């Protein structure tokens, strides 16, 4: 699902995951998450009554599912799934991503 197709709650969880990955949990504020997600600040309390702890937990769970699905896609694309083949494919993609931004 493209970011523009996500509702405010999903955008905030996705944004929190991105900001935590980049800056760490301590440096990621709730207001920054709402701004990054393009969501109204008032929606933070509505969707995450447990505050930052709830949002962080949901962002980490989302990131875990994303990583698990990514590994499964890599494995499915390998003619013979092996740990070294998986690692090589992941490094290849990271290298491609790095080179495309720099």
PDB file of N, CA and C in Angstrom:
ATOM      1  N   UNK A   1       0.846  -1.176   0.000  1.00  0.00           N
ATOM      2  CA  UNK A   1       0.000   0.000   0.000  1.00  0.00           C
ATOM      3  C   UNK A   1       0.896   1.246   0.000  1.00  0.00           C
ATOM      4  N   UNK A   2       0.657   2.127  -0.926  1.00  0.00           N
ATOM      5  CA  UNK A   2       1.440   3.358  -1.031  1.00  0.00           C
ATOM      6  C   UNK A   2       1.143   4.265   0.161  1.00  0.00           C
ATOM      7  N   UNK A   3       2.137   5.087   0.587  1.00  0.00           N
ATOM      8  CA  UNK A   3       1.907   5.977   1.726  1.00  0.00           C
ATOM      9  C   UNK A   3       0.666   6.844   1.569  1.00  0.00           C
ATOM     10  N   UNK A   4       0.362   7.292   0.346  1.00  0.00           N
ATOM     11  CA  UNK A   4      -0.809   8.147   0.136  1.00  0.00           C
ATOM     12  C   UNK A   4      -2.120   7.390   0.317  1.00  0.00           C
ATOM     13  N   UNK A   5      -2.079   6.059   0.260  1.00  0.00           N
ATOM     14  CA  UNK A   5      -3.293   5.256   0.425  1.00  0.00           C
ATOM     15  C   UNK A   5      -3.535   4.870   1.883  1.00  0.00           C
ATOM     16  N   UNK A   6      -2.588   5.151   2.748  1.00  0.00           N
ATOM     17  CA  UNK A   6      -2.726   4.809   4.165  1.00  0.00           C
ATOM     18  C   UNK A   6      -3.537   5.881   4.872  1.00  0.00           C
ATOM     19  N   UNK A   7      -4.277   5.450   5.909  1.00  0.00           N
ATOM     20  CA  UNK A   7      -4.977   6.400   6.754  1.00  0.00           C
ATOM     21  C   UNK A   7      -3.995   7.054   7.713  1.00  0.00           C
ATOM     22  N   UNK A   8      -4.452   8.039   8.501  1.00  0.00           N
ATOM     23  CA  UNK A   8      -3.538   8.754   9.398  1.00  0.00           C
ATOM     24  C   UNK A   8      -2.853   7.836  10.411  1.00  0.00           C
ATOM     25  N   UNK A   9      -3.569   6.855  10.933  1.00  0.00           N
ATOM     26  CA  UNK A   9      -2.971   5.952  11.928  1.00  0.00           C
ATOM     27  C   UNK A   9      -1.831   5.145  11.311  1.00  0.00           C
ATOM     28  N   UNK A  10      -2.087   4.576  10.141  1.00  0.00           N
ATOM     29  CA  UNK A  10      -1.062   3.772   9.471  1.00  0.00           C
ATOM     30  C   UNK A  10       0.132   4.631   9.067  1.00  0.00           C
ATOM     31  N   UNK A  11      -0.144   5.862   8.616  1.00  0.00           N
ATOM     32  CA  UNK A  11       0.957   6.768   8.249  1.00  0.00           C
ATOM     33  C   UNK A  11       1.813   7.100   9.461  1.00  0.00           C
ATOM     34  N   UNK A  12       1.186   7.272  10.623  1.00  0.00           N
ATOM     35  CA  UNK A  12       1.956   7.585  11.826  1.00  0.00           C
ATOM     36  C   UNK A  12       2.816   6.407  12.265  1.00  0.00           C
ATOM     37  N   UNK A  13       2.291   5.195  12.183  1.00  0.00           N
ATOM     38  CA  UNK A  13       3.092   4.017  12.536  1.00  0.00           C
ATOM     39  C   UNK A  13       4.266   3.889  11.567  1.00  0.00           C
ATOM     40  N   UNK A  14       4.006   4.043  10.269  1.00  0.00           N
ATOM     41  CA  UNK A  14       5.058   3.977   9.263  1.00  0.00           C
ATOM     42  C   UNK A  14       6.096   5.079   9.490  1.00  0.00           C
ATOM     43  N   UNK A  15       5.639   6.308   9.726  1.00  0.00           N
ATOM     44  CA  UNK A  15       6.556   7.422   9.974  1.00  0.00           C
ATOM     45  C   UNK A  15       7.385   7.188  11.225  1.00  0.00           C
ATOM     46  N   UNK A  16       6.748   6.680  12.268  1.00  0.00           N
ATOM     47  CA  UNK A  16       7.491   6.394  13.503  1.00  0.00           C
ATOM     48  C   UNK A  16       8.593   5.373  13.228  1.00  0.00           C
ATOM     49  N   UNK A  17       8.282   4.344  12.471  1.00  0.00           N
ATOM     50  CA  UNK A  17       9.294   3.329  12.145  1.00  0.00           C
ATOM     51  C   UNK A  17      10.455   3.951  11.380  1.00  0.00           C
ATOM     52  N   UNK A  18      10.151   4.820  10.416  1.00  0.00           N
ATOM     53  CA  UNK A  18      11.199   5.466   9.625  1.00  0.00           C
ATOM     54  C   UNK A  18      12.059   6.390  10.483  1.00  0.00           C
ATOM     55  N   UNK A  19      11.410   7.195  11.323  1.00  0.00           N
ATOM     56  CA  UNK A  19      12.151   8.144  12.151  1.00  0.00           C
ATOM     57  C   UNK A  19      12.966   7.432  13.232  1.00  0.00           C
ATOM     58  N   UNK A  20      12.419   6.369  13.801  1.00  0.00           N
ATOM     59  CA  UNK A  20      13.163   5.600  14.804  1.00  0.00           C
ATOM     60  C   UNK A  20      14.384   4.960  14.167  1.00  0.00           C
ATOM     61  N   UNK A  21      14.218   4.446  12.968  1.00  0.00           N
ATOM     62  CA  UNK A  21      15.347   3.836  12.261  1.00  0.00           C
ATOM     63  C   UNK A  21      16.442   4.869  12.020  1.00  0.00           C
ATOM     64  N   UNK A  22      16.042   6.075  11.649  1.00  0.00           N
ATOM     65  CA  UNK A  22      17.007   7.123  11.326  1.00  0.00           C
ATOM     66  C   UNK A  22      17.621   7.774  12.564  1.00  0.00           C
ATOM     67  N   UNK A  23      16.766   8.090  13.559  1.00  0.00           N
ATOM     68  CA  UNK A  23      17.216   8.921  14.680  1.00  0.00           C
ATOM     69  C   UNK A  23      17.254   8.223  16.039  1.00  0.00           C
ATOM     70  N   UNK A  24      16.624   7.042  16.129  1.00  0.00           N
ATOM     71  CA  UNK A  24      16.541   6.360  17.417  1.00  0.00           C
ATOM     72  C   UNK A  24      15.275   6.733  18.163  1.00  0.00           C
ATOM     73  N   UNK A  25      14.919   5.927  19.144  1.00  0.00           N
ATOM     74  CA  UNK A  25      13.672   6.131  19.890  1.00  0.00           C
ATOM     75  C   UNK A  25      13.700   7.434  20.682  1.00  0.00           C
ATOM     76  N   UNK A  26      14.785   7.673  21.403  1.00  0.00           N
ATOM     77  CA  UNK A  26      14.848   8.855  22.272  1.00  0.00           C
ATOM     78  C   UNK A  26      14.713  10.151  21.482  1.00  0.00           C
ATOM     79  N   UNK A  27      15.250  10.189  20.269  1.00  0.00           N
ATOM     80  CA  UNK A  27      15.239  11.418  19.471  1.00  0.00           C
ATOM     81  C   UNK A  27      13.984  11.566  18.623  1.00  0.00           C
ATOM     82  N   UNK A  28      13.089  10.592  18.658  1.00  0.00           N
ATOM     83  CA  UNK A  28      11.863  10.652  17.862  1.00  0.00           C
ATOM     84  C   UNK A  28      10.710  11.103  18.746  1.00  0.00           C
ATOM     85  N   UNK A  29      10.196  12.290  18.472  1.00  0.00           N
ATOM     86  CA  UNK A  29       9.093  12.833  19.252  1.00  0.00           C
ATOM     87  C   UNK A  29       7.754  12.590  18.579  1.00  0.00           C
ATOM     88  N   UNK A  30       6.720  12.593  19.385  1.00  0.00           N
ATOM     89  CA  UNK A  30       5.369  12.362  18.884  1.00  0.00           C
ATOM     90  C   UNK A  30       4.960  13.445  17.873  1.00  0.00           C
ATOM     91  N   UNK A  31       5.275  14.701  18.161  1.00  0.00           N
ATOM     92  CA  UNK A  31       4.906  15.778  17.238  1.00  0.00           C
ATOM     93  C   UNK A  31       5.634  15.618  15.910  1.00  0.00           C
ATOM     94  N   UNK A  32       6.899  15.197  15.986  1.00  0.00           N
ATOM     95  CA  UNK A  32       7.671  14.986  14.769  1.00  0.00           C
ATOM     96  C   UNK A  32       7.047  13.869  13.926  1.00  0.00           C
ATOM     97  N   UNK A  33       6.572  12.823  14.594  1.00  0.00           N
ATOM     98  CA  UNK A  33       5.919  11.716  13.888  1.00  0.00           C
ATOM     99  C   UNK A  33       4.669  12.221  13.173  1.00  0.00           C
ATOM    100  N   UNK A  34       3.846  12.982  13.878  1.00  0.00           N
ATOM    101  CA  UNK A  34       2.615  13.507  13.270  1.00  0.00           C
ATOM    102  C   UNK A  34       2.941  14.395  12.073  1.00  0.00           C
ATOM    103  N   UNK A  35       3.937  15.258  12.207  1.00  0.00           N
ATOM    104  CA  UNK A  35       4.316  16.140  11.099  1.00  0.00           C
ATOM    105  C   UNK A  35       4.836  15.323   9.913  1.00  0.00           C
ATOM    106  N   UNK A  36       5.681  14.354  10.176  1.00  0.00           N
ATOM    107  CA  UNK A  36       6.247  13.500   9.119  1.00  0.00           C
ATOM    108  C   UNK A  36       5.133  12.748   8.396  1.00  0.00           C
ATOM    109  N   UNK A  37       4.112  12.334   9.145  1.00  0.00           N
ATOM    110  CA  UNK A  37       2.998  11.562   8.579  1.00  0.00           C
ATOM    111  C   UNK A  37       1.949  12.456   7.923  1.00  0.00           C
ATOM    112  N   UNK A  38       2.049  13.761   8.128  1.00  0.00           N
ATOM    113  CA  UNK A  38       1.033  14.665   7.599  1.00  0.00           C
ATOM    114  C   UNK A  38      -0.301  14.476   8.293  1.00  0.00           C
ATOM    115  N   UNK A  39      -0.239  14.155   9.584  1.00  0.00           N
ATOM    116  CA  UNK A  39      -1.456  13.911  10.364  1.00  0.00           C
ATOM    117  C   UNK A  39      -1.621  15.014  11.412  1.00  0.00           C
ATOM    118  N   UNK A  40      -2.848  15.335  11.754  1.00  0.00           N
ATOM    119  CA  UNK A  40      -3.066  16.347  12.797  1.00  0.00           C
ATOM    120  C   UNK A  40      -2.531  15.861  14.145  1.00  0.00           C
ATOM    121  N   UNK A  41      -1.943  16.783  14.914  1.00  0.00           N
ATOM    122  CA  UNK A  41      -1.392  16.400  16.220  1.00  0.00           C
ATOM    123  C   UNK A  41      -2.453  15.787  17.136  1.00  0.00           C
ATOM    124  N   UNK A  42      -3.688  16.264  17.018  1.00  0.00           N
ATOM    125  CA  UNK A  42      -4.755  15.736  17.859  1.00  0.00           C
ATOM    126  C   UNK A  42      -5.023  14.259  17.634  1.00  0.00           C
ATOM    127  N   UNK A  43      -4.634  13.765  16.469  1.00  0.00           N
ATOM    128  CA  UNK A  43      -4.870  12.351  16.181  1.00  0.00           C
ATOM    129  C   UNK A  43      -3.938  11.436  16.968  1.00  0.00           C
ATOM    130  N   UNK A  44      -2.829  11.989  17.474  1.00  0.00           N
ATOM    131  CA  UNK A  44      -1.902  11.169  18.273  1.00  0.00           C
ATOM    132  C   UNK A  44      -2.615  10.559  19.478  1.00  0.00           C
ATOM    133  N   UNK A  45      -3.291  11.395  20.262  1.00  0.00           N
ATOM    134  CA  UNK A  45      -3.982  10.911  21.462  1.00  0.00           C
ATOM    135  C   UNK A  45      -5.143   9.996  21.082  1.00  0.00           C
ATOM    136  N   UNK A  46      -5.795  10.304  19.977  1.00  0.00           N
ATOM    137  CA  UNK A  46      -6.924   9.491  19.530  1.00  0.00           C
ATOM    138  C   UNK A  46      -6.479   8.073  19.175  1.00  0.00           C
ATOM    139  N   UNK A  47      -5.442   7.966  18.341  1.00  0.00           N
ATOM    140  CA  UNK A  47      -4.993   6.656  17.872  1.00  0.00           C
ATOM    141  C   UNK A  47      -4.032   5.952  18.821  1.00  0.00           C
ATOM    142  N   UNK A  48      -3.336   6.717  19.643  1.00  0.00           N
ATOM    143  CA  UNK A  48      -2.329   6.130  20.537  1.00  0.00           C
ATOM    144  C   UNK A  48      -2.522   6.635  21.963  1.00  0.00           C
ATOM    145  N   UNK A  49      -3.617   6.195  22.606  1.00  0.00           N
ATOM    146  CA  UNK A  49      -3.878   6.656  23.977  1.00  0.00           C
ATOM    147  C   UNK A  49      -2.775   6.220  24.947  1.00  0.00           C
ATOM    148  N   UNK A  50      -2.004   5.197  24.574  1.00  0.00           N
ATOM    149  CA  UNK A  50      -0.882   4.747  25.403  1.00  0.00           C
ATOM    150  C   UNK A  50       0.364   5.576  25.194  1.00  0.00           C
ATOM    151  N   UNK A  51       0.262   6.638  24.386  1.00  0.00           N
ATOM    152  CA  UNK A  51       1.365   7.564  24.189  1.00  0.00           C
ATOM    153  C   UNK A  51       2.490   6.995  23.337  1.00  0.00           C
ATOM    154  N   UNK A  52       3.668   7.536  23.584  1.00  0.00           N
ATOM    155  CA  UNK A  52       4.834   7.179  22.783  1.00  0.00           C
ATOM    156  C   UNK A  52       5.153   5.692  22.887  1.00  0.00           C
ATOM    157  N   UNK A  53       4.981   5.122  24.069  1.00  0.00           N
ATOM    158  CA  UNK A  53       5.279   3.692  24.239  1.00  0.00           C
ATOM    159  C   UNK A  53       4.431   2.844  23.295  1.00  0.00           C
ATOM    160  N   UNK A  54       3.155   3.141  23.200  1.00  0.00           N
ATOM    161  CA  UNK A  54       2.276   2.394  22.299  1.00  0.00           C
ATOM    162  C   UNK A  54       2.702   2.580  20.850  1.00  0.00           C
ATOM    163  N   UNK A  55       2.981   3.828  20.469  1.00  0.00           N
ATOM    164  CA  UNK A  55       3.387   4.106  19.096  1.00  0.00           C
ATOM    165  C   UNK A  55       4.697   3.395  18.756  1.00  0.00           C
ATOM    166  N   UNK A  56       5.667   3.442  19.650  1.00  0.00           N
ATOM    167  CA  UNK A  56       6.952   2.764  19.416  1.00  0.00           C
ATOM    168  C   UNK A  56       6.740   1.261  19.289  1.00  0.00           C
ATOM    169  N   UNK A  57       5.944   0.685  20.179  1.00  0.00           N
ATOM    170  CA  UNK A  57       5.678  -0.760  20.105  1.00  0.00           C
ATOM    171  C   UNK A  57       5.047  -1.141  18.768  1.00  0.00           C
ATOM    172  N   UNK A  58       4.096  -0.345  18.305  1.00  0.00           N
ATOM    173  CA  UNK A  58       3.442  -0.647  17.029  1.00  0.00           C
ATOM    174  C   UNK A  58       4.397  -0.437  15.853  1.00  0.00           C
ATOM    175  N   UNK A  59       5.250   0.575  15.930  1.00  0.00           N
ATOM    176  CA  UNK A  59       6.216   0.823  14.859  1.00  0.00           C
ATOM    177  C   UNK A  59       7.232  -0.317  14.787  1.00  0.00           C
ATOM    178  N   UNK A  60       7.687  -0.795  15.936  1.00  0.00           N
ATOM    179  CA  UNK A  60       8.647  -1.903  15.959  1.00  0.00           C
ATOM    180  C   UNK A  60       7.984  -3.185  15.443  1.00  0.00           C
ATOM    181  N   UNK A  61       6.739  -3.424  15.813  1.00  0.00           N
ATOM    182  CA  UNK A  61       6.022  -4.602  15.311  1.00  0.00           C
ATOM    183  C   UNK A  61       5.857  -4.509  13.792  1.00  0.00           C
ATOM    184  N   UNK A  62       5.512  -3.309  13.286  1.00  0.00           N
ATOM    185  CA  UNK A  62       5.386  -3.118  11.841  1.00  0.00           C
ATOM    186  C   UNK A  62       6.722  -3.406  11.151  1.00  0.00           C
ATOM    187  N   UNK A  63       7.807  -2.863  11.701  1.00  0.00           N
ATOM    188  CA  UNK A  63       9.129  -3.056  11.103  1.00  0.00           C
ATOM    189  C   UNK A  63       9.512  -4.537  11.100  1.00  0.00           C
ATOM    190  N   UNK A  64       9.149  -5.258  12.165  1.00  0.00           N
ATOM    191  CA  UNK A  64       9.436  -6.695  12.219  1.00  0.00           C
ATOM    192  C   UNK A  64       8.686  -7.466  11.144  1.00  0.00           C
ATOM    193  N   UNK A  65       7.415  -7.128  10.951  1.00  0.00           N
ATOM    194  CA  UNK A  65       6.633  -7.783   9.894  1.00  0.00           C
ATOM    195  C   UNK A  65       7.206  -7.454   8.526  1.00  0.00           C
ATOM    196  N   UNK A  66       7.570  -6.199   8.317  1.00  0.00           N
ATOM    197  CA  UNK A  66       8.144  -5.771   7.047  1.00  0.00           C
ATOM    198  C   UNK A  66       9.433  -6.551   6.769  1.00  0.00           C
ATOM    199  N   UNK A  67      10.312  -6.633   7.757  1.00  0.00           N
ATOM    200  CA  UNK A  67      11.588  -7.350   7.580  1.00  0.00           C
ATOM    201  C   UNK A  67      11.346  -8.827   7.308  1.00  0.00           C
ATOM    202  N   UNK A  68      10.419  -9.428   8.039  1.00  0.00           N
ATOM    203  CA  UNK A  68      10.102 -10.843   7.826  1.00  0.00           C
ATOM    204  C   UNK A  68       9.574 -11.102   6.423  1.00  0.00           C
ATOM    205  N   UNK A  69       8.689 -10.235   5.957  1.00  0.00           N
ATOM    206  CA  UNK A  69       8.150 -10.372   4.593  1.00  0.00           C
ATOM    207  C   UNK A  69       9.233 -10.174   3.546  1.00  0.00           C
ATOM    208  N   UNK A  70      10.141  -9.253   3.814  1.00  0.00           N
ATOM    209  CA  UNK A  70      11.231  -9.000   2.874  1.00  0.00           C
ATOM    210  C   UNK A  70      12.141 -10.222   2.753  1.00  0.00           C
ATOM    211  N   UNK A  71      12.485 -10.826   3.888  1.00  0.00           N
ATOM    212  CA  UNK A  71      13.308 -12.040   3.871  1.00  0.00           C
ATOM    213  C   UNK A  71      12.586 -13.149   3.111  1.00  0.00           C
ATOM    214  N   UNK A  72      11.291 -13.292   3.344  1.00  0.00           N
ATOM    215  CA  UNK A  72      10.519 -14.332   2.653  1.00  0.00           C
ATOM    216  C   UNK A  72      10.538 -14.104   1.134  1.00  0.00           C
ATOM    217  N   UNK A  73      10.426 -12.846   0.689  1.00  0.00           N
ATOM    218  CA  UNK A  73      10.487 -12.549  -0.749  1.00  0.00           C
ATOM    219  C   UNK A  73      11.859 -12.887  -1.322  1.00  0.00           C
ATOM    220  N   UNK A  74      12.914 -12.537  -0.597  1.00  0.00           N
ATOM    221  CA  UNK A  74      14.263 -12.874  -1.062  1.00  0.00           C
ATOM    222  C   UNK A  74      14.416 -14.380  -1.203  1.00  0.00           C
ATOM    223  N   UNK A  75      13.973 -15.120  -0.188  1.00  0.00           N
ATOM    224  CA  UNK A  75      14.108 -16.581  -0.217  1.00  0.00           C
ATOM    225  C   UNK A  75      13.309 -17.190  -1.364  1.00  0.00           C
ATOM    226  N   UNK A  76      12.115 -16.683  -1.583  1.00  0.00           N
ATOM    227  CA  UNK A  76      11.262 -17.218  -2.653  1.00  0.00           C
ATOM    228  C   UNK A  76      11.875 -16.985  -4.039  1.00  0.00           C
ATOM    229  N   UNK A  77      12.668 -15.945  -4.181  1.00  0.00           N
ATOM    230  CA  UNK A  77      13.264 -15.623  -5.482  1.00  0.00           C
ATOM    231  C   UNK A  77      14.551 -16.405  -5.756  1.00  0.00           C
ATOM    232  N   UNK A  78      15.095 -17.041  -4.742  1.00  0.00           N
ATOM    233  CA  UNK A  78      16.345 -17.790  -4.934  1.00  0.00           C
ATOM    234  C   UNK A  78      16.058 -19.170  -5.506  1.00  0.00           C
ATOM    235  N   UNK A  79      16.833 -19.607  -6.499  1.00  0.00           N
ATOM    236  CA  UNK A  79      16.626 -20.941  -7.062  1.00  0.00           C
ATOM    237  C   UNK A  79      16.902 -22.026  -6.020  1.00  0.00           C
ATOM    238  N   UNK A  80      17.888 -21.780  -5.171  1.00  0.00           N
ATOM    239  CA  UNK A  80      18.204 -22.703  -4.075  1.00  0.00           C
ATOM    240  C   UNK A  80      18.434 -21.868  -2.822  1.00  0.00           C
ATOM    241  N   UNK A  81      17.415 -21.762  -1.948  1.00  0.00           N
ATOM    242  CA  UNK A  81      17.538 -20.912  -0.761  1.00  0.00           C
ATOM    243  C   UNK A  81      18.611 -21.436   0.207  1.00  0.00           C
ATOM    244  N   UNK A  82      19.607 -20.600   0.436  1.00  0.00           N
ATOM    245  CA  UNK A  82      20.659 -20.900   1.409  1.00  0.00           C
ATOM    246  C   UNK A  82      20.932 -19.636   2.208  1.00  0.00           C
ATOM    247  N   UNK A  83      21.481 -19.771   3.391  1.00  0.00           N
ATOM    248  CA  UNK A  83      21.813 -18.563   4.165  1.00  0.00           C
ATOM    249  C   UNK A  83      22.758 -17.629   3.405  1.00  0.00           C
ATOM    250  N   UNK A  84      23.759 -18.177   2.744  1.00  0.00           N
ATOM    251  CA  UNK A  84      24.702 -17.320   2.024  1.00  0.00           C
ATOM    252  C   UNK A  84      24.029 -16.657   0.819  1.00  0.00           C
ATOM    253  N   UNK A  85      23.143 -17.361   0.146  1.00  0.00           N
ATOM    254  CA  UNK A  85      22.413 -16.776  -0.977  1.00  0.00           C
ATOM    255  C   UNK A  85      21.499 -15.657  -0.511  1.00  0.00           C
ATOM    256  N   UNK A  86      20.830 -15.878   0.612  1.00  0.00           N
ATOM    257  CA  UNK A  86      19.962 -14.847   1.186  1.00  0.00           C
ATOM    258  C   UNK A  86      20.781 -13.607   1.524  1.00  0.00           C
ATOM    259  N   UNK A  87      21.900 -13.816   2.194  1.00  0.00           N
ATOM    260  CA  UNK A  87      22.746 -12.695   2.584  1.00  0.00           C
ATOM    261  C   UNK A  87      23.245 -11.937   1.350  1.00  0.00           C
ATOM    262  N   UNK A  88      23.679 -12.655   0.342  1.00  0.00           N
ATOM    263  CA  UNK A  88      24.186 -12.021  -0.884  1.00  0.00           C
ATOM    264  C   UNK A  88      23.101 -11.174  -1.550  1.00  0.00           C
ATOM    265  N   UNK A  89      21.869 -11.680  -1.606  1.00  0.00           N
ATOM    266  CA  UNK A  89      20.774 -10.917  -2.212  1.00  0.00           C
ATOM    267  C   UNK A  89      20.444  -9.666  -1.410  1.00  0.00           C
ATOM    268  N   UNK A  90      20.457  -9.792  -0.084  1.00  0.00           N
ATOM    269  CA  UNK A  90      20.165  -8.636   0.764  1.00  0.00           C
ATOM    270  C   UNK A  90      21.252  -7.572   0.604  1.00  0.00           C
ATOM    271  N   UNK A  91      22.507  -7.980   0.573  1.00  0.00           N
ATOM    272  CA  UNK A  91      23.597  -7.027   0.396  1.00  0.00           C
ATOM    273  C   UNK A  91      23.508  -6.370  -0.981  1.00  0.00           C
ATOM    274  N   UNK A  92      23.165  -7.147  -1.999  1.00  0.00           N
ATOM    275  CA  UNK A  92      23.016  -6.592  -3.340  1.00  0.00           C
ATOM    276  C   UNK A  92      21.953  -5.496  -3.353  1.00  0.00           C
ATOM    277  N   UNK A  93      20.817  -5.761  -2.710  1.00  0.00           N
ATOM    278  CA  UNK A  93      19.763  -4.754  -2.697  1.00  0.00           C
ATOM    279  C   UNK A  93      20.180  -3.521  -1.897  1.00  0.00           C
ATOM    280  N   UNK A  94      20.822  -3.715  -0.745  1.00  0.00           N
ATOM    281  CA  UNK A  94      21.293  -2.569   0.041  1.00  0.00           C
ATOM    282  C   UNK A  94      22.272  -1.735  -0.774  1.00  0.00           C
ATOM    283  N   UNK A  95      23.164  -2.407  -1.499  1.00  0.00           N
ATOM    284  CA  UNK A  95      24.145  -1.705  -2.337  1.00  0.00           C
ATOM    285  C   UNK A  95      23.435  -0.915  -3.428  1.00  0.00           C
ATOM    286  N   UNK A  96      22.469  -1.545  -4.085  1.00  0.00           N
ATOM    287  CA  UNK A  96      21.697  -0.852  -5.129  1.00  0.00           C
ATOM    288  C   UNK A  96      20.987   0.377  -4.559  1.00  0.00           C
ATOM    289  N   UNK A  97      20.373   0.223  -3.381  1.00  0.00           N
ATOM    290  CA  UNK A  97      19.661   1.337  -2.748  1.00  0.00           C
ATOM    291  C   UNK A  97      20.636   2.458  -2.397  1.00  0.00           C
ATOM    292  N   UNK A  98      21.781   2.095  -1.847  1.00  0.00           N
ATOM    293  CA  UNK A  98      22.781   3.098  -1.467  1.00  0.00           C
ATOM    294  C   UNK A  98      23.267   3.849  -2.699  1.00  0.00           C
ATOM    295  N   UNK A  99      23.584   3.137  -3.749  1.00  0.00           N
ATOM    296  CA  UNK A  99      24.109   3.761  -4.955  1.00  0.00           C
ATOM    297  C   UNK A  99      23.069   4.647  -5.644  1.00  0.00           C
ATOM    298  N   UNK A 100      21.791   4.308  -5.502  1.00  0.00           N
ATOM    299  CA  UNK A 100      20.748   5.115  -6.138  1.00  0.00           C
ATOM    300  C   UNK A 100      20.537   6.449  -5.425  1.00  0.00           C
ATOM    301  N   UNK A 101      20.926   6.548  -4.165  1.00  0.00           N
ATOM    302  CA  UNK A 101      20.759   7.804  -3.414  1.00  0.00           C
ATOM    303  C   UNK A 101      22.035   8.645  -3.435  1.00  0.00           C
ATOM    304  N   UNK A 102      23.133   8.028  -3.722  1.00  0.00           N
ATOM    305  CA  UNK A 102      24.406   8.778  -3.684  1.00  0.00           C
ATOM    306  C   UNK A 102      25.016   8.940  -5.018  1.00  0.00           C
TER     307      UNK A 102
END
